[in-house]
Structures are given as structure tokens and as C-alpha cells.
Amino acid sequence: MEGAFLQDRRGLSFRATRSSRKLFQEHPMLRSLKDLEGYTVSATDGDIGNVENFLLDDERWTIRYLVVDTVEFLDGRQVLISPISFRQVEWPGRRFHLALTMAKIEKCPSTDMDQPVSRQHEEHFNQYYGYPSYWAYPGLWGLGPNPAMIAANLEKVAAARAVALSERLSYDIHLRSIKELRGYHIQGSDDAIGHVEDFIVDDETWEVLYLVIDTSNWWLGKKVLIAPRWASRISWKEKVVNLEMSRESIKNSPEWDPSAAITREYEGRLHDYFKRPAYWVAQDRPLS
């Protein structure tokens, strides 16, 4: 057998092929979105531009699209690229290789980044590329646990796509610009704590696992990590993340070193300190 069968959260079986596993390294890492800005994006027949921003699904805290500035390729027009389109990620070379041609990208639905990206626009995008609508099922990527699995099984997920749309088509807007979310204030149970400076993602699932909190106004530049699911409330209108944690508890939490990789040992200490269950041992990650 070329690969083992895996199941998503609804029990749908997919074959995990060697090629699909190679889309990402064997062990996913946690990466800073700031570090990924500026990565070159390459089609199968040439470079199309650089990563300028990311769009976050605020229901499942997952990055759905890279916003790519096409520089000279399309007169600087911004295009959306889904991680499902990745053929290979060249981390040392800071490059995303796509399984798309330049001609395919050139004819994709245009996106006005000055306006919220609607579900209708996403649906046109998915129809054009033949991708499933992730919001139609409760799993992190709808019909699969990560974008690589979706990419490796496009024919299979296409068969379920029409049913999913007829059952759960929603036009609510849940995409938010990462650049706009930076600077959101963090409000503790007793006082202000700092602001959101960055986001840490799993580079296989593209789920945002932590907010990087800058506390420099109080503690000489100390940065701490807080999982978005630990927030008691997020006010998009007021641009505030509320935590049921005191300023003192945040101050004494394990400090994050931006120059060091985030290890499972560090994550364990962080979760133990805040008395939160470890997401990596849970069968399903809770939705926001």
C-alpha cells in the first residue's frame, strides 16, 4: 500500500500518500507569522510575488489565505492563495511553491482587499480552484484535518462538496486581516496587560495556536504566549481580547524567547502554569 488511511473528525477516510506527507515536513513546527511575511510565492512556471498578509478564520482560528502582492506579475494586484495550493514549502529558502500555473492565478477571481472578503467571494474562489468549502463541516479544514490532505484528495472531496454546500452554506463574514489584529489590546481580569504583537501557527494545519503578547509597557519587553481559546471574550469592534487572568499571573508566566524554537516541553510548562489541558493530547481541538 502506498499510504495508510486516515480519518477526519467526521470519520471520512482519506489515503495519506507519501507525496501528501512530503508537502510538509514529517514533524510540523510552530512558526511566527511575522517571520513568514515576505516569503516568495512561486507558481509551477515562475514567481508571482511575495506574502504581504494573512486572512484568519475567526471561528476556528486558522489561516485560510495568504495575501500575495504580485509585484510586476499582475501590476501589483493582490491575490489570495490557499495553503491547499502548496506543492512544497521551502523553509530555508523562504519560498512557497504552488501547484498552480501563472495563467491559472492570473485568471482567478479578483479580490478587493479594502473590503471584507465575503463567503460569496470565497465560494467563487473555491469553485474556480475546485477546492471544498471548509466552513461546511466542523473539522479544521472541513473535509480533512489539514490542507495537504485536501490537496491529495481533491477528487474525493469534490464529490462531497455539493452536498456540503446545500446543507451548510453560510454568508457570514469570518475572515480577518492579521495586520489589523496586531495591536489589539489585552485586558486582564484586573488591569491592562499589553497588546497582540504576533501569531504562532502550526505549519501543517495553519491553526493559530498562540497570540504573542507584548508587555513592554510594564515588564521591560517581556513577551508571553496566550492561546486564543483561553480568551473569555474578544471584542472585534473595540479591538480588545479579554482574559480571566490577572496581570500578576501573566507577569509570572513562562517567558517566550523569539530566538528559540517552541518546544513541546515549553508548551507543557505553559499549559501547566495556566492549568489548561494540552491540545496535542485531545482528539479534537476546541473551536473558539
C-alpha atoms as a PDB file:
ATOM      1  CA  MET A   1       0.000   0.000   0.000  1.00  0.00           C
ATOM      2  CA  GLU A   2       1.249   3.456  -0.858  1.00  0.00           C
ATOM      3  CA  GLY A   3      -0.153   5.065   2.288  1.00  0.00           C
ATOM      4  CA  ALA A   4      -2.350   4.488   5.289  1.00  0.00           C
ATOM      5  CA  PHE A   5      -5.979   5.542   5.506  1.00  0.00           C
ATOM      6  CA  LEU A   6      -6.662   8.427   7.877  1.00  0.00           C
ATOM      7  CA  GLN A   7      -9.980   9.768   9.104  1.00  0.00           C
ATOM      8  CA  ASP A   8     -11.058  13.317   9.633  1.00  0.00           C
ATOM      9  CA  ARG A   9     -13.302  14.430  12.504  1.00  0.00           C
ATOM     10  CA  ARG A  10     -16.458  13.260  10.684  1.00  0.00           C
ATOM     11  CA  GLY A  11     -14.983   9.830  10.012  1.00  0.00           C
ATOM     12  CA  LEU A  12     -14.356  10.399   6.282  1.00  0.00           C
ATOM     13  CA  SER A  13     -11.435   8.265   5.165  1.00  0.00           C
ATOM     14  CA  PHE A  14      -8.571   9.562   3.057  1.00  0.00           C
ATOM     15  CA  ARG A  15      -5.395   7.845   1.929  1.00  0.00           C
ATOM     16  CA  ALA A  16      -2.310   9.649   3.231  1.00  0.00           C
ATOM     17  CA  THR A  17       0.144   9.154   0.373  1.00  0.00           C
ATOM     18  CA  ARG A  18       3.881   9.620   0.536  1.00  0.00           C
ATOM     19  CA  SER A  19       3.546  12.680  -1.682  1.00  0.00           C
ATOM     20  CA  SER A  20       0.919  14.269   0.578  1.00  0.00           C
ATOM     21  CA  ARG A  21       3.088  13.730   3.640  1.00  0.00           C
ATOM     22  CA  LYS A  22       6.026  15.370   1.875  1.00  0.00           C
ATOM     23  CA  LEU A  23       4.091  18.600   1.297  1.00  0.00           C
ATOM     24  CA  PHE A  24       5.171  19.472   4.826  1.00  0.00           C
ATOM     25  CA  GLN A  25       7.992  18.136   6.948  1.00  0.00           C
ATOM     26  CA  GLU A  26       7.271  14.984   8.983  1.00  0.00           C
ATOM     27  CA  HIS A  27       7.009  16.920  12.236  1.00  0.00           C
ATOM     28  CA  PRO A  28       5.135  20.228  11.978  1.00  0.00           C
ATOM     29  CA  MET A  29       6.678  23.209  13.687  1.00  0.00           C
ATOM     30  CA  LEU A  30       5.241  26.298  15.274  1.00  0.00           C
ATOM     31  CA  ARG A  31       6.132  29.446  13.348  1.00  0.00           C
ATOM     32  CA  SER A  32       5.704  33.183  13.702  1.00  0.00           C
ATOM     33  CA  LEU A  33       3.507  34.796  11.048  1.00  0.00           C
ATOM     34  CA  LYS A  34       5.754  37.854  11.102  1.00  0.00           C
ATOM     35  CA  ASP A  35       8.641  35.647  10.043  1.00  0.00           C
ATOM     36  CA  LEU A  36       6.607  34.342   7.092  1.00  0.00           C
ATOM     37  CA  GLU A  37       5.839  37.779   5.688  1.00  0.00           C
ATOM     38  CA  GLY A  38       7.942  38.485   2.618  1.00  0.00           C
ATOM     39  CA  TYR A  39       8.239  34.820   1.590  1.00  0.00           C
ATOM     40  CA  THR A  40       8.412  34.415  -2.187  1.00  0.00           C
ATOM     41  CA  VAL A  41       5.443  32.633  -3.784  1.00  0.00           C
ATOM     42  CA  SER A  42       6.224  30.570  -6.892  1.00  0.00           C
ATOM     43  CA  ALA A  43       3.867  29.035  -9.429  1.00  0.00           C
ATOM     44  CA  THR A  44       4.998  25.973 -11.392  1.00  0.00           C
ATOM     45  CA  ASP A  45       6.367  28.238 -14.126  1.00  0.00           C
ATOM     46  CA  GLY A  46       7.627  31.327 -12.298  1.00  0.00           C
ATOM     47  CA  ASP A  47       7.466  33.619  -9.282  1.00  0.00           C
ATOM     48  CA  ILE A  48       4.225  35.552  -8.755  1.00  0.00           C
ATOM     49  CA  GLY A  49       5.136  37.791  -5.797  1.00  0.00           C
ATOM     50  CA  ASN A  50       5.611  37.932  -2.038  1.00  0.00           C
ATOM     51  CA  VAL A  51       3.466  37.275   1.032  1.00  0.00           C
ATOM     52  CA  GLU A  52       2.116  40.552   2.334  1.00  0.00           C
ATOM     53  CA  ASN A  53      -0.577  39.479   4.799  1.00  0.00           C
ATOM     54  CA  PHE A  54      -2.752  36.585   6.007  1.00  0.00           C
ATOM     55  CA  LEU A  55      -6.502  36.147   6.432  1.00  0.00           C
ATOM     56  CA  LEU A  56      -7.661  34.450   9.632  1.00  0.00           C
ATOM     57  CA  ASP A  57     -10.876  32.484  10.083  1.00  0.00           C
ATOM     58  CA  ASP A  58     -12.045  33.822  13.455  1.00  0.00           C
ATOM     59  CA  GLU A  59     -14.320  30.816  14.125  1.00  0.00           C
ATOM     60  CA  ARG A  60     -11.603  28.167  14.040  1.00  0.00           C
ATOM     61  CA  TRP A  61      -8.532  30.375  14.411  1.00  0.00           C
ATOM     62  CA  THR A  62      -6.973  29.047  11.250  1.00  0.00           C
ATOM     63  CA  ILE A  63      -5.139  30.879   8.463  1.00  0.00           C
ATOM     64  CA  ARG A  64      -7.213  30.369   5.316  1.00  0.00           C
ATOM     65  CA  TYR A  65      -5.347  32.531   2.829  1.00  0.00           C
ATOM     66  CA  LEU A  66      -2.038  34.159   2.122  1.00  0.00           C
ATOM     67  CA  VAL A  67      -2.409  37.641   0.662  1.00  0.00           C
ATOM     68  CA  VAL A  68       0.214  37.868  -2.080  1.00  0.00           C
ATOM     69  CA  ASP A  69       1.430  41.115  -3.611  1.00  0.00           C
ATOM     70  CA  THR A  70       2.026  40.133  -7.230  1.00  0.00           C
ATOM     71  CA  VAL A  71       4.540  42.949  -7.778  1.00  0.00           C
ATOM     72  CA  GLU A  72       5.202  43.031 -11.554  1.00  0.00           C
ATOM     73  CA  PHE A  73       3.311  39.845 -12.442  1.00  0.00           C
ATOM     74  CA  LEU A  74      -0.222  41.309 -12.246  1.00  0.00           C
ATOM     75  CA  ASP A  75       0.605  45.001 -11.920  1.00  0.00           C
ATOM     76  CA  GLY A  76       0.771  44.641  -8.151  1.00  0.00           C
ATOM     77  CA  ARG A  77      -2.752  43.214  -7.786  1.00  0.00           C
ATOM     78  CA  GLN A  78      -3.207  41.284  -4.560  1.00  0.00           C
ATOM     79  CA  VAL A  79      -4.352  37.683  -4.873  1.00  0.00           C
ATOM     80  CA  LEU A  80      -5.444  35.120  -2.319  1.00  0.00           C
ATOM     81  CA  ILE A  81      -3.595  31.812  -2.108  1.00  0.00           C
ATOM     82  CA  SER A  82      -4.944  28.930  -0.042  1.00  0.00           C
ATOM     83  CA  PRO A  83      -2.496  26.560   1.699  1.00  0.00           C
ATOM     84  CA  ILE A  84      -4.325  23.834  -0.247  1.00  0.00           C
ATOM     85  CA  SER A  85      -2.419  25.156  -3.290  1.00  0.00           C
ATOM     86  CA  PHE A  86       1.002  24.398  -1.780  1.00  0.00           C
ATOM     87  CA  ARG A  87       3.152  21.902  -3.631  1.00  0.00           C
ATOM     88  CA  GLN A  88       6.150  22.338  -1.344  1.00  0.00           C
ATOM     89  CA  VAL A  89       7.279  24.754   1.338  1.00  0.00           C
ATOM     90  CA  GLU A  90      10.958  25.657   1.203  1.00  0.00           C
ATOM     91  CA  TRP A  91      11.513  26.977   4.718  1.00  0.00           C
ATOM     92  CA  PRO A  92      15.282  27.645   4.454  1.00  0.00           C
ATOM     93  CA  GLY A  93      14.776  29.429   1.116  1.00  0.00           C
ATOM     94  CA  ARG A  94      11.723  31.343   2.390  1.00  0.00           C
ATOM     95  CA  ARG A  95       9.584  30.219  -0.527  1.00  0.00           C
ATOM     96  CA  PHE A  96       6.122  28.721  -1.041  1.00  0.00           C
ATOM     97  CA  HIS A  97       5.937  26.525  -4.146  1.00  0.00           C
ATOM     98  CA  LEU A  98       2.414  26.240  -5.580  1.00  0.00           C
ATOM     99  CA  ALA A  99       0.776  23.501  -7.616  1.00  0.00           C
ATOM    100  CA  LEU A 100      -0.683  26.232  -9.851  1.00  0.00           C
ATOM    101  CA  THR A 101       0.440  27.823 -13.092  1.00  0.00           C
ATOM    102  CA  MET A 102       0.861  31.565 -13.512  1.00  0.00           C
ATOM    103  CA  ALA A 103      -2.002  31.544 -16.042  1.00  0.00           C
ATOM    104  CA  LYS A 104      -4.333  29.890 -13.530  1.00  0.00           C
ATOM    105  CA  ILE A 105      -3.527  32.503 -10.894  1.00  0.00           C
ATOM    106  CA  GLU A 106      -3.836  35.355 -13.391  1.00  0.00           C
ATOM    107  CA  LYS A 107      -7.456  34.412 -14.156  1.00  0.00           C
ATOM    108  CA  CYS A 108      -8.516  33.827 -10.542  1.00  0.00           C
ATOM    109  CA  PRO A 109     -11.423  35.871  -9.090  1.00  0.00           C
ATOM    110  CA  SER A 110     -10.195  39.359  -8.214  1.00  0.00           C
ATOM    111  CA  THR A 111     -10.244  40.422  -4.577  1.00  0.00           C
ATOM    112  CA  ASP A 112     -10.791  43.910  -3.228  1.00  0.00           C
ATOM    113  CA  MET A 113      -8.683  43.843  -0.068  1.00  0.00           C
ATOM    114  CA  ASP A 114     -10.150  47.175   1.034  1.00  0.00           C
ATOM    115  CA  GLN A 115     -13.443  45.366   1.649  1.00  0.00           C
ATOM    116  CA  PRO A 116     -14.216  42.317   3.862  1.00  0.00           C
ATOM    117  CA  VAL A 117     -13.862  39.040   1.968  1.00  0.00           C
ATOM    118  CA  SER A 118     -17.366  37.558   1.908  1.00  0.00           C
ATOM    119  CA  ARG A 119     -18.440  33.934   1.874  1.00  0.00           C
ATOM    120  CA  GLN A 120     -19.778  34.546  -1.635  1.00  0.00           C
ATOM    121  CA  HIS A 121     -16.309  35.552  -2.796  1.00  0.00           C
ATOM    122  CA  GLU A 122     -14.751  32.550  -1.060  1.00  0.00           C
ATOM    123  CA  GLU A 123     -17.258  30.299  -2.785  1.00  0.00           C
ATOM    124  CA  HIS A 124     -16.338  31.741  -6.190  1.00  0.00           C
ATOM    125  CA  PHE A 125     -12.673  31.230  -5.269  1.00  0.00           C
ATOM    126  CA  ASN A 126     -13.282  27.589  -4.291  1.00  0.00           C
ATOM    127  CA  GLN A 127     -15.325  26.879  -7.409  1.00  0.00           C
ATOM    128  CA  TYR A 128     -12.559  28.285  -9.583  1.00  0.00           C
ATOM    129  CA  TYR A 129      -9.821  26.147  -7.997  1.00  0.00           C
ATOM    130  CA  GLY A 130     -12.006  23.112  -7.268  1.00  0.00           C
ATOM    131  CA  TYR A 131     -11.481  23.304  -3.512  1.00  0.00           C
ATOM    132  CA  PRO A 132     -14.024  22.294  -0.859  1.00  0.00           C
ATOM    133  CA  SER A 133     -15.663  24.919   1.342  1.00  0.00           C
ATOM    134  CA  TYR A 134     -14.013  24.483   4.749  1.00  0.00           C
ATOM    135  CA  TRP A 135     -16.959  26.002   6.634  1.00  0.00           C
ATOM    136  CA  ALA A 136     -19.392  23.269   5.534  1.00  0.00           C
ATOM    137  CA  TYR A 137     -18.065  20.758   8.087  1.00  0.00           C
ATOM    138  CA  PRO A 138     -16.884  21.142  11.707  1.00  0.00           C
ATOM    139  CA  GLY A 139     -13.329  19.883  11.100  1.00  0.00           C
ATOM    140  CA  LEU A 140     -10.408  22.290  10.984  1.00  0.00           C
ATOM    141  CA  TRP A 141     -10.278  22.133   7.170  1.00  0.00           C
ATOM    142  CA  GLY A 142     -13.771  20.805   6.598  1.00  0.00           C
ATOM    143  CA  LEU A 143     -13.264  17.515   4.766  1.00  0.00           C
ATOM    144  CA  GLY A 144      -9.729  16.982   6.020  1.00  0.00           C
ATOM    145  CA  PRO A 145      -7.506  17.681   9.027  1.00  0.00           C
ATOM    146  CA  ASN A 146      -5.009  19.844   7.117  1.00  0.00           C
ATOM    147  CA  PRO A 147      -4.616  21.461   3.673  1.00  0.00           C
ATOM    148  CA  ALA A 148      -2.125  18.848   2.452  1.00  0.00           C
ATOM    149  CA  MET A 149      -4.732  16.116   2.943  1.00  0.00           C
ATOM    150  CA  ILE A 150      -7.276  18.128   0.990  1.00  0.00           C
ATOM    151  CA  ALA A 151      -4.803  18.707  -1.851  1.00  0.00           C
ATOM    152  CA  ALA A 152      -4.003  14.992  -2.052  1.00  0.00           C
ATOM    153  CA  ASN A 153      -7.686  14.036  -2.308  1.00  0.00           C
ATOM    154  CA  LEU A 154      -9.329  16.723  -4.429  1.00  0.00           C
ATOM    155  CA  GLU A 155     -11.340  14.235  -6.488  1.00  0.00           C
ATOM    156  CA  LYS A 156     -12.784  12.613  -3.384  1.00  0.00           C
ATOM    157  CA  VAL A 157     -13.667  15.851  -1.623  1.00  0.00           C
ATOM    158  CA  ALA A 158     -15.221  17.250  -4.810  1.00  0.00           C
ATOM    159  CA  ALA A 159     -17.875  14.535  -4.663  1.00  0.00           C
ATOM    160  CA  ALA A 160     -18.922  15.663  -1.185  1.00  0.00           C
ATOM    161  CA  ARG A 161     -18.690  19.356  -1.960  1.00  0.00           C
ATOM    162  CA  ALA A 162     -22.164  19.849  -3.468  1.00  0.00           C
ATOM    163  CA  VAL A 163     -23.835  18.105  -0.531  1.00  0.00           C
ATOM    164  CA  ALA A 164     -21.899  20.183   1.966  1.00  0.00           C
ATOM    165  CA  LEU A 165     -22.897  23.418   0.252  1.00  0.00           C
ATOM    166  CA  SER A 166     -26.563  22.558   0.109  1.00  0.00           C
ATOM    167  CA  GLU A 167     -26.572  21.694   3.815  1.00  0.00           C
ATOM    168  CA  ARG A 168     -24.495  24.437   5.397  1.00  0.00           C
ATOM    169  CA  LEU A 169     -23.965  27.377   3.076  1.00  0.00           C
ATOM    170  CA  SER A 170     -23.398  30.468   5.192  1.00  0.00           C
ATOM    171  CA  TYR A 171     -22.708  34.023   4.090  1.00  0.00           C
ATOM    172  CA  ASP A 172     -21.415  35.346   7.390  1.00  0.00           C
ATOM    173  CA  ILE A 173     -18.016  37.035   7.224  1.00  0.00           C
ATOM    174  CA  HIS A 174     -15.418  35.431   9.473  1.00  0.00           C
ATOM    175  CA  LEU A 175     -12.149  36.391   7.772  1.00  0.00           C
ATOM    176  CA  ARG A 176      -9.926  38.974   9.436  1.00  0.00           C
ATOM    177  CA  SER A 177      -6.660  40.553   8.382  1.00  0.00           C
ATOM    178  CA  ILE A 178      -3.723  39.594  10.556  1.00  0.00           C
ATOM    179  CA  LYS A 179      -2.255  43.073  10.117  1.00  0.00           C
ATOM    180  CA  GLU A 180      -5.451  44.579  11.530  1.00  0.00           C
ATOM    181  CA  LEU A 181      -5.446  42.207  14.518  1.00  0.00           C
ATOM    182  CA  ARG A 182      -1.929  43.209  15.531  1.00  0.00           C
ATOM    183  CA  GLY A 183      -2.175  45.850  18.207  1.00  0.00           C
ATOM    184  CA  TYR A 184      -5.374  44.517  19.776  1.00  0.00           C
ATOM    185  CA  HIS A 185      -5.288  45.315  23.499  1.00  0.00           C
ATOM    186  CA  ILE A 186      -5.124  42.544  26.086  1.00  0.00           C
ATOM    187  CA  GLN A 187      -7.323  43.173  29.103  1.00  0.00           C
ATOM    188  CA  GLY A 188      -6.791  41.010  32.179  1.00  0.00           C
ATOM    189  CA  SER A 189      -9.264  40.425  34.986  1.00  0.00           C
ATOM    190  CA  ASP A 190      -7.826  43.335  36.968  1.00  0.00           C
ATOM    191  CA  ASP A 191      -5.897  45.550  34.568  1.00  0.00           C
ATOM    192  CA  ALA A 192      -4.485  46.011  31.067  1.00  0.00           C
ATOM    193  CA  ILE A 193      -1.671  43.602  30.180  1.00  0.00           C
ATOM    194  CA  GLY A 194      -0.305  44.562  26.770  1.00  0.00           C
ATOM    195  CA  HIS A 195      -1.136  44.124  23.118  1.00  0.00           C
ATOM    196  CA  VAL A 196      -1.067  41.453  20.420  1.00  0.00           C
ATOM    197  CA  GLU A 197       2.207  41.605  18.509  1.00  0.00           C
ATOM    198  CA  ASP A 198       2.256  38.389  16.525  1.00  0.00           C
ATOM    199  CA  PHE A 199       0.653  34.984  15.954  1.00  0.00           C
ATOM    200  CA  ILE A 200       2.148  31.499  16.242  1.00  0.00           C
ATOM    201  CA  VAL A 201       0.821  28.889  13.801  1.00  0.00           C
ATOM    202  CA  ASP A 202       1.181  25.154  13.294  1.00  0.00           C
ATOM    203  CA  ASP A 203       2.818  24.990   9.866  1.00  0.00           C
ATOM    204  CA  GLU A 204       0.921  21.819   8.909  1.00  0.00           C
ATOM    205  CA  THR A 205      -2.645  22.732   9.852  1.00  0.00           C
ATOM    206  CA  TRP A 206      -2.171  26.544   9.782  1.00  0.00           C
ATOM    207  CA  GLU A 207      -4.093  26.802  13.034  1.00  0.00           C
ATOM    208  CA  VAL A 208      -3.200  29.805  15.207  1.00  0.00           C
ATOM    209  CA  LEU A 209      -2.158  28.216  18.483  1.00  0.00           C
ATOM    210  CA  TYR A 210      -0.869  31.279  20.333  1.00  0.00           C
ATOM    211  CA  LEU A 211      -1.074  35.044  20.403  1.00  0.00           C
ATOM    212  CA  VAL A 212       2.259  36.730  21.132  1.00  0.00           C
ATOM    213  CA  ILE A 213       1.577  39.334  23.822  1.00  0.00           C
ATOM    214  CA  ASP A 214       3.964  42.279  24.117  1.00  0.00           C
ATOM    215  CA  THR A 215       4.024  43.545  27.706  1.00  0.00           C
ATOM    216  CA  SER A 216       6.774  46.132  27.154  1.00  0.00           C
ATOM    217  CA  ASN A 217       4.760  48.935  28.754  1.00  0.00           C
ATOM    218  CA  TRP A 218       5.139  47.172  32.111  1.00  0.00           C
ATOM    219  CA  TRP A 219       7.838  44.496  32.122  1.00  0.00           C
ATOM    220  CA  LEU A 220      10.811  45.618  30.044  1.00  0.00           C
ATOM    221  CA  GLY A 221       9.776  43.944  26.808  1.00  0.00           C
ATOM    222  CA  LYS A 222       8.767  40.546  28.157  1.00  0.00           C
ATOM    223  CA  LYS A 223       6.742  38.563  25.625  1.00  0.00           C
ATOM    224  CA  VAL A 224       4.330  35.816  26.623  1.00  0.00           C
ATOM    225  CA  LEU A 225       2.154  33.377  24.714  1.00  0.00           C
ATOM    226  CA  ILE A 226      -1.583  33.039  25.263  1.00  0.00           C
ATOM    227  CA  ALA A 227      -3.793  30.629  23.330  1.00  0.00           C
ATOM    228  CA  PRO A 228      -6.746  32.408  21.672  1.00  0.00           C
ATOM    229  CA  ARG A 229      -9.122  29.782  23.060  1.00  0.00           C
ATOM    230  CA  TRP A 230      -8.163  30.919  26.573  1.00  0.00           C
ATOM    231  CA  ALA A 231      -9.797  34.293  25.953  1.00  0.00           C
ATOM    232  CA  SER A 232     -13.073  34.832  27.762  1.00  0.00           C
ATOM    233  CA  ARG A 233     -14.222  37.331  25.154  1.00  0.00           C
ATOM    234  CA  ILE A 234     -12.918  39.065  22.043  1.00  0.00           C
ATOM    235  CA  SER A 235     -14.454  42.361  21.018  1.00  0.00           C
ATOM    236  CA  TRP A 236     -13.755  42.914  17.333  1.00  0.00           C
ATOM    237  CA  LYS A 237     -15.401  46.315  17.483  1.00  0.00           C
ATOM    238  CA  GLU A 238     -13.363  47.534  20.457  1.00  0.00           C
ATOM    239  CA  LYS A 239     -10.232  45.612  19.400  1.00  0.00           C
ATOM    240  CA  VAL A 240      -9.806  44.040  22.834  1.00  0.00           C
ATOM    241  CA  VAL A 241      -9.015  40.482  23.937  1.00  0.00           C
ATOM    242  CA  ASN A 242     -10.351  39.815  27.447  1.00  0.00           C
ATOM    243  CA  LEU A 243      -8.703  37.230  29.709  1.00  0.00           C
ATOM    244  CA  GLU A 244      -9.840  35.871  33.055  1.00  0.00           C
ATOM    245  CA  MET A 245      -6.247  36.161  34.247  1.00  0.00           C
ATOM    246  CA  SER A 246      -4.664  38.749  36.492  1.00  0.00           C
ATOM    247  CA  ARG A 247      -1.797  40.962  35.408  1.00  0.00           C
ATOM    248  CA  GLU A 248       0.402  39.310  38.031  1.00  0.00           C
ATOM    249  CA  SER A 249      -0.339  35.808  36.705  1.00  0.00           C
ATOM    250  CA  ILE A 250       0.630  36.878  33.190  1.00  0.00           C
ATOM    251  CA  LYS A 251       3.769  38.558  34.525  1.00  0.00           C
ATOM    252  CA  ASN A 252       4.938  35.332  36.176  1.00  0.00           C
ATOM    253  CA  SER A 253       4.086  33.040  33.253  1.00  0.00           C
ATOM    254  CA  PRO A 254       6.852  31.284  31.258  1.00  0.00           C
ATOM    255  CA  GLU A 255       8.556  33.873  29.075  1.00  0.00           C
ATOM    256  CA  TRP A 256       8.734  33.312  25.333  1.00  0.00           C
ATOM    257  CA  ASP A 257      12.106  33.658  23.623  1.00  0.00           C
ATOM    258  CA  PRO A 258      11.538  34.698  19.976  1.00  0.00           C
ATOM    259  CA  SER A 259      15.006  33.439  19.018  1.00  0.00           C
ATOM    260  CA  ALA A 260      14.292  29.875  20.185  1.00  0.00           C
ATOM    261  CA  ALA A 261      12.045  27.196  18.718  1.00  0.00           C
ATOM    262  CA  ILE A 262       8.856  26.479  20.655  1.00  0.00           C
ATOM    263  CA  THR A 263       9.335  23.007  22.082  1.00  0.00           C
ATOM    264  CA  ARG A 264       6.738  20.639  23.470  1.00  0.00           C
ATOM    265  CA  GLU A 265       8.495  20.964  26.841  1.00  0.00           C
ATOM    266  CA  TYR A 266       7.920  24.736  26.817  1.00  0.00           C
ATOM    267  CA  GLU A 267       4.296  24.262  25.766  1.00  0.00           C
ATOM    268  CA  GLY A 268       3.838  21.772  28.591  1.00  0.00           C
ATOM    269  CA  ARG A 269       5.133  24.266  31.148  1.00  0.00           C
ATOM    270  CA  LEU A 270       2.886  26.968  29.694  1.00  0.00           C
ATOM    271  CA  HIS A 271      -0.245  24.814  29.860  1.00  0.00           C
ATOM    272  CA  ASP A 272       0.620  23.534  33.325  1.00  0.00           C
ATOM    273  CA  TYR A 273       1.148  27.069  34.603  1.00  0.00           C
ATOM    274  CA  PHE A 274      -2.250  28.241  33.367  1.00  0.00           C
ATOM    275  CA  LYS A 275      -3.876  24.896  34.290  1.00  0.00           C
ATOM    276  CA  ARG A 276      -5.112  24.366  30.751  1.00  0.00           C
ATOM    277  CA  PRO A 277      -5.455  20.988  29.005  1.00  0.00           C
ATOM    278  CA  ALA A 278      -2.846  20.218  26.360  1.00  0.00           C
ATOM    279  CA  TYR A 279      -4.325  20.497  22.864  1.00  0.00           C
ATOM    280  CA  TRP A 280      -1.904  17.874  21.481  1.00  0.00           C
ATOM    281  CA  VAL A 281      -3.413  15.066  23.556  1.00  0.00           C
ATOM    282  CA  ALA A 282      -7.030  15.971  22.796  1.00  0.00           C
ATOM    283  CA  GLN A 283      -8.778  14.176  19.970  1.00  0.00           C
ATOM    284  CA  ASP A 284     -10.435  17.383  18.807  1.00  0.00           C
ATOM    285  CA  ARG A 285      -9.206  20.916  19.331  1.00  0.00           C
ATOM    286  CA  PRO A 286     -11.949  23.123  20.709  1.00  0.00           C
ATOM    287  CA  LEU A 287     -13.376  25.799  18.436  1.00  0.00           C
ATOM    288  CA  SER A 288     -13.346  29.421  19.506  1.00  0.00           C
END
